[in-house]
Amino acid sequence: MSTIPTPPPAIPPPVKTGGFVLYLDFDGVLHPEDVHMRTGRGPFIASPEGHALFEHAPLLADVLSPYPDVRIVLSTSWVRVYKSVRRIARKLPQELRERVVGATYHGSMDSQLFKEAPRGLQIWSDVLRRMPDDWLALDDDYLHWPTWCRERLVRTDEILGISEPAVLAELRAKLAAMHGE
């Protein structure tokens, strides 16, 4: 006698739809990309030396301060590792934490299929679900992004993240354009 497979649970609807959304990766954006996990001790930056986790988070908070209507959706793999948007958001300064409304990954998704999808497709899938009025993505991962999404990507430096002057200028310009400035 064969059993009928049960369908996977539905992905929960987003808390908020519409509006302005910033998809935020952590590694290569708020600190250098080379982050590893130590069992029982958590994440650390493997290289280069002299950097700290979330060192550019205050800079992002400052850049976003003129735009209080921009919400953050976490597009970082940290959500899969820690299995909680709230736990991850607590690592951000209060000004950014208050903006976090969700993540591109949800526990009801197939983790392996999600992990195998290129970051651009992970974000595009969330865009289709969340239906923002406008959106940007901050990420150092630029490979295999759908062509229709590339102009919304602010590609960051793997080490300097958003602090690299050209990246910071592009982010400011795209946020201003998003707001009709």
N, C-alpha and C. Protein backbone atom coordinates (compact mmCIF):
# COMPACT_ATOMS: atom_id res chain seq x y z
N MET A 1 0.84 -1.17 0.00
CA MET A 1 0.00 0.00 0.00
C MET A 1 0.89 1.24 0.00
N SER A 2 0.69 2.12 -0.95
CA SER A 2 1.53 3.32 -1.05
C SER A 2 0.87 4.48 -0.30
N THR A 3 1.71 5.34 0.19
CA THR A 3 1.18 6.51 0.89
C THR A 3 1.21 7.70 -0.05
N ILE A 4 0.26 8.56 0.11
CA ILE A 4 0.18 9.76 -0.71
C ILE A 4 1.03 10.83 -0.02
N PRO A 5 2.01 11.38 -0.75
CA PRO A 5 2.84 12.40 -0.11
C PRO A 5 2.03 13.64 0.22
N THR A 6 2.31 14.20 1.35
CA THR A 6 1.62 15.44 1.72
C THR A 6 2.36 16.62 1.13
N PRO A 7 1.62 17.59 0.65
CA PRO A 7 2.29 18.76 0.07
C PRO A 7 3.02 19.55 1.17
N PRO A 8 4.08 20.24 0.79
CA PRO A 8 4.78 21.04 1.79
C PRO A 8 3.86 22.15 2.30
N PRO A 9 4.09 22.61 3.51
CA PRO A 9 3.24 23.69 4.02
C PRO A 9 3.39 24.94 3.16
N ALA A 10 2.33 25.70 3.10
CA ALA A 10 2.35 26.93 2.31
C ALA A 10 3.30 27.94 2.96
N ILE A 11 3.93 28.73 2.12
CA ILE A 11 4.79 29.79 2.62
C ILE A 11 3.88 30.86 3.21
N PRO A 12 4.15 31.29 4.43
CA PRO A 12 3.24 32.27 5.05
C PRO A 12 3.23 33.58 4.28
N PRO A 13 2.09 34.25 4.28
CA PRO A 13 2.04 35.54 3.58
C PRO A 13 2.92 36.56 4.31
N PRO A 14 3.43 37.55 3.60
CA PRO A 14 4.26 38.55 4.27
C PRO A 14 3.45 39.39 5.24
N VAL A 15 4.12 39.89 6.26
CA VAL A 15 3.48 40.75 7.24
C VAL A 15 2.98 42.01 6.57
N LYS A 16 3.81 42.57 5.69
CA LYS A 16 3.44 43.78 4.96
C LYS A 16 3.74 43.59 3.49
N THR A 17 2.89 44.13 2.65
CA THR A 17 3.14 44.12 1.22
C THR A 17 3.22 45.58 0.76
N GLY A 18 3.66 45.76 -0.49
CA GLY A 18 3.77 47.11 -1.04
C GLY A 18 4.91 47.88 -0.39
N GLY A 19 4.91 49.17 -0.60
CA GLY A 19 5.93 50.04 0.00
C GLY A 19 7.30 49.89 -0.63
N PHE A 20 8.28 50.44 0.06
CA PHE A 20 9.67 50.39 -0.40
C PHE A 20 10.43 49.37 0.42
N VAL A 21 11.18 48.50 -0.26
CA VAL A 21 11.89 47.41 0.41
C VAL A 21 13.36 47.43 0.01
N LEU A 22 14.21 47.21 1.02
CA LEU A 22 15.63 47.01 0.81
C LEU A 22 15.95 45.58 1.21
N TYR A 23 16.40 44.78 0.25
CA TYR A 23 16.83 43.41 0.53
C TYR A 23 18.27 43.48 0.99
N LEU A 24 18.54 42.98 2.19
CA LEU A 24 19.83 43.17 2.84
C LEU A 24 20.54 41.86 3.11
N ASP A 25 21.71 41.72 2.50
CA ASP A 25 22.64 40.65 2.84
C ASP A 25 23.57 41.20 3.92
N PHE A 26 24.24 40.36 4.67
CA PHE A 26 25.17 40.83 5.70
C PHE A 26 26.62 40.73 5.23
N ASP A 27 27.04 39.51 4.83
CA ASP A 27 28.44 39.26 4.48
C ASP A 27 28.79 39.94 3.16
N GLY A 28 29.84 40.77 3.19
CA GLY A 28 30.23 41.53 2.01
C GLY A 28 29.42 42.80 1.85
N VAL A 29 28.57 43.11 2.83
CA VAL A 29 27.75 44.32 2.80
C VAL A 29 27.98 45.13 4.08
N LEU A 30 27.69 44.52 5.22
CA LEU A 30 27.86 45.21 6.51
C LEU A 30 29.20 44.91 7.16
N HIS A 31 29.91 43.96 6.62
CA HIS A 31 31.26 43.58 7.07
C HIS A 31 31.87 42.73 5.94
N PRO A 32 33.18 42.39 6.01
CA PRO A 32 33.77 41.57 4.95
C PRO A 32 33.03 40.25 4.74
N GLU A 33 33.18 39.72 3.56
CA GLU A 33 32.45 38.54 3.12
C GLU A 33 32.91 37.25 3.80
N ASP A 34 34.16 37.16 4.19
CA ASP A 34 34.74 35.90 4.69
C ASP A 34 34.37 35.64 6.15
N VAL A 35 33.11 35.24 6.38
CA VAL A 35 32.62 34.96 7.73
C VAL A 35 32.42 33.46 7.89
N HIS A 36 32.87 32.95 9.02
CA HIS A 36 32.71 31.52 9.33
C HIS A 36 32.03 31.37 10.68
N MET A 37 31.49 30.18 10.92
CA MET A 37 30.83 29.89 12.19
C MET A 37 31.72 29.00 13.05
N ARG A 38 31.87 29.37 14.31
CA ARG A 38 32.56 28.54 15.30
C ARG A 38 31.49 27.88 16.16
N THR A 39 31.56 26.58 16.29
CA THR A 39 30.60 25.86 17.11
C THR A 39 30.64 26.40 18.54
N GLY A 40 29.48 26.76 19.02
CA GLY A 40 29.36 27.25 20.38
C GLY A 40 29.80 28.69 20.60
N ARG A 41 30.40 29.31 19.59
CA ARG A 41 30.88 30.68 19.76
C ARG A 41 30.31 31.64 18.75
N GLY A 42 29.75 31.13 17.67
CA GLY A 42 29.11 31.99 16.69
C GLY A 42 30.01 32.44 15.57
N PRO A 43 29.55 33.44 14.81
CA PRO A 43 30.27 33.88 13.61
C PRO A 43 31.51 34.71 13.94
N PHE A 44 32.47 34.65 13.01
CA PHE A 44 33.67 35.49 13.10
C PHE A 44 34.17 35.78 11.69
N ILE A 45 34.87 36.89 11.55
CA ILE A 45 35.46 37.25 10.27
C ILE A 45 36.81 36.56 10.17
N ALA A 46 36.94 35.69 9.16
CA ALA A 46 38.18 34.93 9.01
C ALA A 46 39.30 35.79 8.43
N SER A 47 38.99 36.65 7.48
CA SER A 47 39.98 37.54 6.91
C SER A 47 39.25 38.66 6.18
N PRO A 48 39.82 39.79 6.00
CA PRO A 48 41.10 40.22 6.53
C PRO A 48 40.97 40.66 7.99
N GLU A 49 42.11 40.75 8.66
CA GLU A 49 42.11 41.17 10.06
C GLU A 49 41.77 42.65 10.17
N GLY A 50 41.36 43.03 11.37
CA GLY A 50 41.07 44.44 11.62
C GLY A 50 39.65 44.86 11.33
N HIS A 51 38.79 43.90 11.02
CA HIS A 51 37.38 44.21 10.74
C HIS A 51 36.51 43.59 11.82
N ALA A 52 35.30 44.12 11.95
CA ALA A 52 34.36 43.62 12.94
C ALA A 52 33.03 43.29 12.29
N LEU A 53 32.33 42.32 12.87
CA LEU A 53 30.99 42.00 12.38
C LEU A 53 30.10 43.24 12.50
N PHE A 54 29.33 43.49 11.46
CA PHE A 54 28.35 44.58 11.41
C PHE A 54 28.98 45.97 11.54
N GLU A 55 30.24 46.08 11.16
CA GLU A 55 30.94 47.37 11.30
C GLU A 55 30.32 48.48 10.46
N HIS A 56 29.62 48.15 9.38
CA HIS A 56 29.01 49.18 8.53
C HIS A 56 27.51 49.36 8.77
N ALA A 57 26.97 48.67 9.77
CA ALA A 57 25.54 48.81 10.07
C ALA A 57 25.18 50.24 10.45
N PRO A 58 25.98 50.94 11.27
CA PRO A 58 25.64 52.35 11.56
C PRO A 58 25.64 53.23 10.31
N LEU A 59 26.53 52.93 9.36
CA LEU A 59 26.56 53.68 8.11
C LEU A 59 25.26 53.46 7.33
N LEU A 60 24.80 52.23 7.27
CA LEU A 60 23.53 51.95 6.57
C LEU A 60 22.38 52.65 7.27
N ALA A 61 22.36 52.63 8.59
CA ALA A 61 21.30 53.32 9.33
C ALA A 61 21.31 54.81 8.99
N ASP A 62 22.48 55.39 8.87
CA ASP A 62 22.60 56.81 8.53
C ASP A 62 22.10 57.08 7.11
N VAL A 63 22.47 56.23 6.17
CA VAL A 63 22.04 56.40 4.78
C VAL A 63 20.52 56.27 4.65
N LEU A 64 19.93 55.38 5.44
CA LEU A 64 18.48 55.17 5.36
C LEU A 64 17.68 56.21 6.17
N SER A 65 18.33 56.95 7.05
CA SER A 65 17.59 57.86 7.95
C SER A 65 16.67 58.85 7.23
N PRO A 66 17.02 59.39 6.04
CA PRO A 66 16.07 60.28 5.36
C PRO A 66 14.86 59.56 4.76
N TYR A 67 14.88 58.23 4.81
CA TYR A 67 13.83 57.43 4.17
C TYR A 67 13.18 56.49 5.20
N PRO A 68 12.39 57.03 6.10
CA PRO A 68 11.81 56.20 7.17
C PRO A 68 10.81 55.15 6.66
N ASP A 69 10.37 55.28 5.41
CA ASP A 69 9.41 54.32 4.88
C ASP A 69 10.05 53.09 4.24
N VAL A 70 11.38 53.03 4.18
CA VAL A 70 12.06 51.86 3.61
C VAL A 70 12.12 50.75 4.65
N ARG A 71 11.53 49.61 4.29
CA ARG A 71 11.57 48.44 5.17
C ARG A 71 12.67 47.50 4.70
N ILE A 72 13.17 46.69 5.61
CA ILE A 72 14.26 45.75 5.31
C ILE A 72 13.73 44.33 5.31
N VAL A 73 14.11 43.59 4.25
CA VAL A 73 13.88 42.16 4.18
C VAL A 73 15.26 41.51 4.14
N LEU A 74 15.53 40.63 5.07
CA LEU A 74 16.84 39.99 5.16
C LEU A 74 16.99 38.95 4.06
N SER A 75 18.06 39.09 3.26
CA SER A 75 18.34 38.14 2.20
C SER A 75 19.66 37.42 2.48
N THR A 76 20.01 37.34 3.73
CA THR A 76 21.26 36.73 4.16
C THR A 76 21.08 35.26 4.52
N SER A 77 22.11 34.47 4.30
CA SER A 77 22.07 33.05 4.66
C SER A 77 22.04 32.86 6.18
N TRP A 78 22.30 33.91 6.93
CA TRP A 78 22.25 33.82 8.39
C TRP A 78 20.86 33.39 8.86
N VAL A 79 19.82 33.74 8.12
CA VAL A 79 18.46 33.37 8.53
C VAL A 79 18.31 31.85 8.51
N ARG A 80 18.87 31.19 7.51
CA ARG A 80 18.80 29.72 7.47
C ARG A 80 19.61 29.10 8.59
N VAL A 81 20.77 29.68 8.89
CA VAL A 81 21.64 29.14 9.94
C VAL A 81 21.01 29.30 11.32
N TYR A 82 20.52 30.49 11.62
CA TYR A 82 19.96 30.77 12.94
C TYR A 82 18.47 30.41 13.04
N LYS A 83 17.83 30.16 11.90
CA LYS A 83 16.42 29.75 11.85
C LYS A 83 15.47 30.74 12.51
N SER A 84 15.81 32.03 12.47
CA SER A 84 14.94 33.02 13.09
C SER A 84 15.28 34.41 12.59
N VAL A 85 14.28 35.09 12.06
CA VAL A 85 14.46 36.47 11.63
C VAL A 85 14.70 37.36 12.84
N ARG A 86 13.95 37.14 13.91
CA ARG A 86 14.10 37.97 15.11
C ARG A 86 15.50 37.87 15.71
N ARG A 87 16.01 36.65 15.82
CA ARG A 87 17.35 36.46 16.39
C ARG A 87 18.41 37.18 15.56
N ILE A 88 18.26 37.14 14.26
CA ILE A 88 19.22 37.79 13.38
C ILE A 88 19.06 39.30 13.45
N ALA A 89 17.83 39.78 13.44
CA ALA A 89 17.59 41.23 13.48
C ALA A 89 18.17 41.84 14.76
N ARG A 90 18.21 41.09 15.84
CA ARG A 90 18.77 41.61 17.10
C ARG A 90 20.24 41.94 16.98
N LYS A 91 20.91 41.43 15.97
CA LYS A 91 22.32 41.73 15.78
C LYS A 91 22.53 43.11 15.15
N LEU A 92 21.44 43.69 14.64
CA LEU A 92 21.50 45.00 13.98
C LEU A 92 21.25 46.11 15.00
N PRO A 93 21.75 47.32 14.70
CA PRO A 93 21.40 48.45 15.58
C PRO A 93 19.90 48.70 15.55
N GLN A 94 19.39 49.29 16.61
CA GLN A 94 17.95 49.53 16.76
C GLN A 94 17.32 50.19 15.54
N GLU A 95 18.01 51.17 14.94
CA GLU A 95 17.45 51.90 13.80
C GLU A 95 17.18 50.97 12.62
N LEU A 96 18.02 49.96 12.44
CA LEU A 96 17.80 48.99 11.35
C LEU A 96 16.85 47.89 11.79
N ARG A 97 16.99 47.42 13.01
CA ARG A 97 16.14 46.34 13.54
C ARG A 97 14.66 46.69 13.41
N GLU A 98 14.32 47.95 13.68
CA GLU A 98 12.92 48.38 13.60
C GLU A 98 12.36 48.31 12.18
N ARG A 99 13.21 48.31 11.19
CA ARG A 99 12.78 48.28 9.80
C ARG A 99 12.56 46.86 9.26
N VAL A 100 13.11 45.86 9.94
CA VAL A 100 13.07 44.48 9.45
C VAL A 100 11.65 43.94 9.52
N VAL A 101 11.14 43.50 8.36
CA VAL A 101 9.78 42.96 8.29
C VAL A 101 9.74 41.49 7.87
N GLY A 102 10.90 40.91 7.60
CA GLY A 102 10.90 39.51 7.19
C GLY A 102 12.19 39.12 6.51
N ALA A 103 12.15 37.99 5.83
CA ALA A 103 13.32 37.44 5.14
C ALA A 103 12.87 36.75 3.87
N THR A 104 13.82 36.55 2.99
CA THR A 104 13.52 35.83 1.75
C THR A 104 13.35 34.34 2.00
N TYR A 105 13.92 33.84 3.10
CA TYR A 105 13.80 32.42 3.45
C TYR A 105 12.82 32.25 4.61
N HIS A 106 12.01 31.21 4.53
CA HIS A 106 11.07 30.87 5.59
C HIS A 106 11.21 29.39 5.89
N GLY A 107 11.02 29.02 7.13
CA GLY A 107 11.18 27.63 7.56
C GLY A 107 10.33 26.63 6.82
N SER A 108 9.25 27.09 6.22
CA SER A 108 8.38 26.16 5.48
C SER A 108 8.90 25.89 4.07
N MET A 109 9.98 26.55 3.69
CA MET A 109 10.56 26.31 2.36
C MET A 109 11.50 25.12 2.41
N ASP A 110 11.75 24.53 1.26
CA ASP A 110 12.75 23.47 1.15
C ASP A 110 14.11 24.14 1.23
N SER A 111 14.82 23.94 2.32
CA SER A 111 16.09 24.62 2.58
C SER A 111 17.11 24.36 1.47
N GLN A 112 17.20 23.11 1.03
CA GLN A 112 18.19 22.76 0.02
C GLN A 112 17.88 23.43 -1.32
N LEU A 113 16.62 23.41 -1.74
CA LEU A 113 16.24 24.06 -3.00
C LEU A 113 16.50 25.56 -2.92
N PHE A 114 16.16 26.16 -1.79
CA PHE A 114 16.40 27.59 -1.61
C PHE A 114 17.89 27.89 -1.69
N LYS A 115 18.70 27.12 -1.01
CA LYS A 115 20.15 27.32 -0.98
C LYS A 115 20.77 27.20 -2.38
N GLU A 116 20.22 26.32 -3.20
CA GLU A 116 20.75 26.10 -4.55
C GLU A 116 20.35 27.20 -5.53
N ALA A 117 19.32 27.96 -5.21
CA ALA A 117 18.87 29.03 -6.12
C ALA A 117 19.82 30.22 -6.03
N PRO A 118 20.14 30.86 -7.15
CA PRO A 118 20.97 32.06 -7.10
C PRO A 118 20.28 33.15 -6.27
N ARG A 119 21.07 33.98 -5.62
CA ARG A 119 20.53 35.02 -4.74
C ARG A 119 19.51 35.90 -5.45
N GLY A 120 19.79 36.27 -6.69
CA GLY A 120 18.86 37.11 -7.43
C GLY A 120 17.49 36.46 -7.59
N LEU A 121 17.45 35.15 -7.81
CA LEU A 121 16.17 34.45 -7.92
C LEU A 121 15.48 34.32 -6.56
N GLN A 122 16.26 34.16 -5.49
CA GLN A 122 15.67 34.13 -4.15
C GLN A 122 14.95 35.45 -3.87
N ILE A 123 15.61 36.54 -4.22
CA ILE A 123 15.03 37.86 -3.99
C ILE A 123 13.84 38.08 -4.91
N TRP A 124 13.97 37.73 -6.19
CA TRP A 124 12.86 37.92 -7.12
C TRP A 124 11.61 37.15 -6.67
N SER A 125 11.82 35.96 -6.15
CA SER A 125 10.70 35.18 -5.64
C SER A 125 10.00 35.92 -4.50
N ASP A 126 10.79 36.56 -3.63
CA ASP A 126 10.19 37.32 -2.54
C ASP A 126 9.50 38.59 -3.06
N VAL A 127 10.06 39.20 -4.07
CA VAL A 127 9.44 40.38 -4.68
C VAL A 127 8.04 40.01 -5.19
N LEU A 128 7.94 38.86 -5.85
CA LEU A 128 6.64 38.42 -6.37
C LEU A 128 5.65 38.17 -5.23
N ARG A 129 6.13 37.71 -4.11
CA ARG A 129 5.29 37.42 -2.95
C ARG A 129 4.93 38.68 -2.18
N ARG A 130 5.90 39.57 -2.00
CA ARG A 130 5.74 40.77 -1.17
C ARG A 130 5.15 41.95 -1.94
N MET A 131 5.35 41.97 -3.25
CA MET A 131 4.83 43.01 -4.15
C MET A 131 5.16 44.44 -3.71
N PRO A 132 6.44 44.75 -3.50
CA PRO A 132 6.76 46.13 -3.11
C PRO A 132 6.51 47.10 -4.26
N ASP A 133 6.25 48.36 -3.89
CA ASP A 133 6.11 49.40 -4.91
C ASP A 133 7.43 49.64 -5.62
N ASP A 134 8.51 49.53 -4.87
CA ASP A 134 9.86 49.65 -5.43
C ASP A 134 10.80 48.94 -4.47
N TRP A 135 11.95 48.51 -4.98
CA TRP A 135 12.88 47.77 -4.14
C TRP A 135 14.30 47.89 -4.66
N LEU A 136 15.24 47.67 -3.73
CA LEU A 136 16.67 47.58 -4.03
C LEU A 136 17.23 46.39 -3.27
N ALA A 137 18.38 45.89 -3.73
CA ALA A 137 19.08 44.82 -3.02
C ALA A 137 20.52 45.24 -2.81
N LEU A 138 21.01 45.04 -1.59
CA LEU A 138 22.42 45.27 -1.25
C LEU A 138 23.08 43.90 -1.12
N ASP A 139 24.03 43.60 -2.00
CA ASP A 139 24.62 42.27 -1.99
C ASP A 139 25.95 42.29 -2.74
N ASP A 140 26.90 41.49 -2.29
CA ASP A 140 28.14 41.32 -3.05
C ASP A 140 28.01 40.17 -4.04
N ASP A 141 26.96 39.38 -3.93
CA ASP A 141 26.71 38.27 -4.84
C ASP A 141 25.96 38.82 -6.06
N TYR A 142 26.63 38.83 -7.19
CA TYR A 142 26.05 39.41 -8.40
C TYR A 142 25.87 38.37 -9.52
N LEU A 143 26.32 37.14 -9.28
CA LEU A 143 26.25 36.12 -10.32
C LEU A 143 24.84 35.58 -10.50
N HIS A 144 24.46 35.36 -11.74
CA HIS A 144 23.20 34.71 -12.11
C HIS A 144 21.95 35.48 -11.68
N TRP A 145 22.06 36.80 -11.58
CA TRP A 145 20.86 37.60 -11.30
C TRP A 145 20.03 37.69 -12.57
N PRO A 146 18.72 37.58 -12.46
CA PRO A 146 17.89 37.76 -13.66
C PRO A 146 18.15 39.14 -14.26
N THR A 147 18.16 39.23 -15.56
CA THR A 147 18.47 40.50 -16.22
C THR A 147 17.51 41.60 -15.81
N TRP A 148 16.24 41.25 -15.56
CA TRP A 148 15.25 42.27 -15.19
C TRP A 148 15.43 42.79 -13.76
N CYS A 149 16.34 42.20 -13.00
CA CYS A 149 16.57 42.64 -11.61
C CYS A 149 17.90 43.38 -11.43
N ARG A 150 18.78 43.29 -12.38
CA ARG A 150 20.15 43.79 -12.19
C ARG A 150 20.24 45.27 -11.86
N GLU A 151 19.35 46.10 -12.42
CA GLU A 151 19.45 47.54 -12.14
C GLU A 151 19.02 47.86 -10.71
N ARG A 152 18.41 46.91 -10.03
CA ARG A 152 17.99 47.12 -8.64
C ARG A 152 19.03 46.62 -7.64
N LEU A 153 20.07 45.98 -8.13
CA LEU A 153 21.15 45.48 -7.29
C LEU A 153 22.20 46.56 -7.10
N VAL A 154 22.54 46.83 -5.85
CA VAL A 154 23.70 47.65 -5.54
C VAL A 154 24.77 46.65 -5.12
N ARG A 155 25.70 46.42 -6.03
CA ARG A 155 26.74 45.41 -5.79
C ARG A 155 27.80 46.01 -4.88
N THR A 156 28.02 45.35 -3.76
CA THR A 156 28.96 45.85 -2.77
C THR A 156 30.34 45.20 -2.92
N ASP A 157 31.31 45.83 -2.29
CA ASP A 157 32.68 45.32 -2.27
C ASP A 157 32.78 44.19 -1.25
N GLU A 158 33.43 43.09 -1.60
CA GLU A 158 33.51 41.92 -0.72
C GLU A 158 34.17 42.21 0.62
N ILE A 159 35.04 43.19 0.68
CA ILE A 159 35.73 43.52 1.93
C ILE A 159 35.18 44.81 2.53
N LEU A 160 35.06 45.85 1.72
CA LEU A 160 34.63 47.15 2.23
C LEU A 160 33.12 47.30 2.33
N GLY A 161 32.38 46.38 1.72
CA GLY A 161 30.92 46.43 1.79
C GLY A 161 30.38 47.74 1.28
N ILE A 162 29.42 48.32 2.01
CA ILE A 162 28.81 49.57 1.57
C ILE A 162 29.69 50.77 1.83
N SER A 163 30.80 50.59 2.55
CA SER A 163 31.67 51.73 2.86
C SER A 163 32.54 52.14 1.67
N GLU A 164 32.63 51.30 0.65
CA GLU A 164 33.40 51.65 -0.55
C GLU A 164 32.71 52.86 -1.18
N PRO A 165 33.45 53.95 -1.44
CA PRO A 165 32.82 55.21 -1.88
C PRO A 165 31.89 55.10 -3.09
N ALA A 166 32.26 54.35 -4.12
CA ALA A 166 31.40 54.24 -5.30
C ALA A 166 30.11 53.49 -4.96
N VAL A 167 30.20 52.48 -4.11
CA VAL A 167 29.02 51.72 -3.70
C VAL A 167 28.09 52.62 -2.88
N LEU A 168 28.66 53.36 -1.96
CA LEU A 168 27.87 54.26 -1.12
C LEU A 168 27.16 55.31 -1.97
N ALA A 169 27.87 55.85 -2.95
CA ALA A 169 27.27 56.85 -3.85
C ALA A 169 26.12 56.23 -4.65
N GLU A 170 26.32 55.02 -5.15
CA GLU A 170 25.26 54.34 -5.92
C GLU A 170 24.05 54.06 -5.04
N LEU A 171 24.27 53.62 -3.81
CA LEU A 171 23.16 53.35 -2.90
C LEU A 171 22.37 54.62 -2.63
N ARG A 172 23.07 55.71 -2.34
CA ARG A 172 22.39 56.98 -2.09
C ARG A 172 21.59 57.44 -3.31
N ALA A 173 22.19 57.32 -4.48
CA ALA A 173 21.50 57.75 -5.71
C ALA A 173 20.26 56.90 -5.98
N LYS A 174 20.36 55.60 -5.78
CA LYS A 174 19.22 54.73 -6.05
C LYS A 174 18.11 54.91 -5.02
N LEU A 175 18.46 55.19 -3.78
CA LEU A 175 17.44 55.48 -2.77
C LEU A 175 16.73 56.80 -3.11
N ALA A 176 17.50 57.79 -3.54
CA ALA A 176 16.89 59.07 -3.92
C ALA A 176 15.96 58.90 -5.12
N ALA A 177 16.41 58.13 -6.11
CA ALA A 177 15.57 57.88 -7.29
C ALA A 177 14.30 57.13 -6.92
N MET A 178 14.42 56.18 -6.00
CA MET A 178 13.27 55.41 -5.54
C MET A 178 12.22 56.34 -4.93
N HIS A 179 12.68 57.42 -4.33
CA HIS A 179 11.78 58.37 -3.68
C HIS A 179 11.49 59.58 -4.54
N GLY A 180 11.82 59.51 -5.82
CA GLY A 180 11.48 60.58 -6.76
C GLY A 180 12.29 61.84 -6.58
N GLU A 181 13.47 61.71 -5.99
CA GLU A 181 14.31 62.91 -5.78
C GLU A 181 15.27 63.10 -6.95
